[in-house]
Amino acid sequence: MAEFLETIYYEYSENKKRLLPINIDNYIFNPNINIEISKDIQQKMEDISNGIVDALKMKIDFYDQYNIYSRLLNFQSNLSKALDLLRSVLIGNFTSDDNIKQNLPLLIEELKT
């Protein structure tokens, strides 16, 4: 999440392209995508929480687990904003052969800039 937002900010502030977002399916436009992704994130967070508990019982460091957990929590908190931002910067629809033919020149032009 942070990397995506940093890339978008860099593009805005430096006026240089680093991200060429395209869609290969229409999943990003699913109105329940944030719920589906949140369920996956919460499952991963639960697995990591269990790992932290195990590390505490073993009296070993759990910095890596905490770092991952924290990043997932941040991602989940900003998920809707990130999805909205991603939808707004999509430059090419590659969901079908016809769309590929239509959008490939746009993608090539973006790569040149």
Protein backbone atom coordinates (compact mmCIF):
# COMPACT_ATOMS: atom_id res chain seq x y z
CA MET A 1 0.00 0.00 0.00
CA ALA A 2 2.68 2.46 1.00
CA GLU A 3 4.67 1.69 -2.13
CA PHE A 4 1.63 2.28 -4.35
CA LEU A 5 0.84 5.62 -2.69
CA GLU A 6 4.50 6.68 -2.79
CA THR A 7 4.63 5.88 -6.50
CA ILE A 8 1.48 7.90 -7.19
CA TYR A 9 2.85 10.83 -5.14
CA TYR A 10 6.20 10.63 -6.96
CA GLU A 11 4.44 10.73 -10.32
CA TYR A 12 2.39 13.72 -9.23
CA SER A 13 5.25 15.71 -7.70
CA GLU A 14 7.98 14.87 -10.21
CA ASN A 15 5.74 14.60 -13.27
CA LYS A 16 7.47 11.32 -14.18
CA LYS A 17 5.78 7.99 -14.88
CA ARG A 18 6.71 4.93 -12.81
CA LEU A 19 3.40 3.10 -12.81
CA LEU A 20 1.48 1.83 -15.83
CA PRO A 21 -1.72 0.44 -14.35
CA ILE A 22 -3.75 -1.76 -16.66
CA ASN A 23 -6.59 -4.14 -15.98
CA ILE A 24 -6.64 -7.67 -17.34
CA ASP A 25 -10.05 -8.41 -15.84
CA ASN A 26 -12.84 -6.32 -14.35
CA TYR A 27 -12.37 -7.52 -10.77
CA ILE A 28 -11.22 -4.05 -9.69
CA PHE A 29 -14.73 -2.79 -10.52
CA ASN A 30 -16.47 -5.40 -8.33
CA PRO A 31 -18.42 -3.34 -5.76
CA ASN A 32 -17.56 -5.87 -3.02
CA ILE A 33 -13.85 -6.14 -3.81
CA ASN A 34 -12.89 -4.32 -0.60
CA ILE A 35 -14.87 -6.84 1.47
CA GLU A 36 -13.32 -9.82 -0.32
CA ILE A 37 -9.79 -8.44 0.03
CA SER A 38 -10.43 -7.52 3.69
CA LYS A 39 -11.43 -11.11 4.45
CA ASP A 40 -8.11 -12.31 2.99
CA ILE A 41 -6.18 -9.67 4.91
CA GLN A 42 -7.94 -10.55 8.17
CA GLN A 43 -7.13 -14.24 7.69
CA LYS A 44 -3.46 -13.40 7.14
CA MET A 45 -3.50 -11.12 10.19
CA GLU A 46 -4.99 -13.91 12.29
CA ASP A 47 -2.28 -16.33 11.12
CA ILE A 48 0.40 -13.77 11.99
CA SER A 49 -1.20 -13.11 15.39
CA ASN A 50 -1.01 -16.81 16.14
CA GLY A 51 2.66 -16.74 15.14
CA ILE A 52 3.29 -13.83 17.50
CA VAL A 53 1.64 -15.74 20.34
CA ASP A 54 3.84 -18.75 19.54
CA ALA A 55 6.94 -16.53 19.48
CA LEU A 56 6.01 -15.06 22.87
CA LYS A 57 5.57 -18.54 24.34
CA MET A 58 8.98 -19.52 22.95
CA LYS A 59 10.47 -16.25 24.22
CA ILE A 60 11.84 -15.36 20.79
CA ASP A 61 11.75 -12.16 18.76
CA PHE A 62 8.64 -11.50 16.67
CA TYR A 63 9.71 -8.26 14.98
CA ASP A 64 9.19 -9.66 11.47
CA GLN A 65 5.70 -10.86 12.29
CA TYR A 66 4.83 -7.54 13.92
CA ASN A 67 6.12 -5.63 10.87
CA ILE A 68 4.01 -7.68 8.47
CA TYR A 69 0.97 -7.42 10.74
CA SER A 70 1.36 -3.64 10.96
CA ARG A 71 1.65 -3.29 7.17
CA LEU A 72 -1.46 -5.43 6.65
CA LEU A 73 -3.38 -3.36 9.21
CA ASN A 74 -2.34 -0.16 7.43
CA PHE A 75 -3.28 -1.65 4.06
CA GLN A 76 -6.69 -2.73 5.30
CA SER A 77 -7.32 0.71 6.83
CA ASN A 78 -6.59 2.40 3.51
CA LEU A 79 -7.95 -0.25 1.16
CA SER A 80 -10.97 1.68 -0.14
CA LYS A 81 -8.86 4.77 -0.82
CA ALA A 82 -6.24 2.69 -2.63
CA LEU A 83 -8.84 0.93 -4.77
CA ASP A 84 -10.47 4.23 -5.67
CA LEU A 85 -7.11 5.73 -6.56
CA LEU A 86 -6.13 2.69 -8.61
CA ARG A 87 -9.39 2.84 -10.57
CA SER A 88 -8.74 6.52 -11.33
CA VAL A 89 -5.28 5.93 -12.82
CA LEU A 90 -6.02 2.87 -14.99
CA ILE A 91 -4.76 3.58 -18.50
CA GLY A 92 -5.52 0.42 -20.42
CA ASN A 93 -8.24 -2.17 -20.59
CA PHE A 94 -6.74 -5.54 -21.56
CA THR A 95 -9.76 -7.68 -20.69
CA SER A 96 -10.31 -9.03 -24.22
CA ASP A 97 -8.48 -9.40 -27.54
CA ASP A 98 -10.34 -6.40 -28.98
CA ASN A 99 -9.45 -4.26 -25.96
CA ILE A 100 -5.81 -5.33 -26.23
CA LYS A 101 -5.69 -4.24 -29.87
CA GLN A 102 -7.34 -0.95 -28.98
CA ASN A 103 -5.26 -0.16 -25.88
CA LEU A 104 -1.83 -1.51 -26.81
CA PRO A 105 -0.87 1.65 -28.74
CA LEU A 106 -1.77 3.72 -25.66
CA LEU A 107 0.40 1.53 -23.45
CA ILE A 108 3.32 1.73 -25.90
CA GLU A 109 2.98 5.51 -26.00
CA GLU A 110 3.01 5.66 -22.19
CA LEU A 111 6.16 3.52 -22.11
CA LYS A 112 7.90 6.00 -24.41
CA THR A 113 7.25 8.95 -22.09
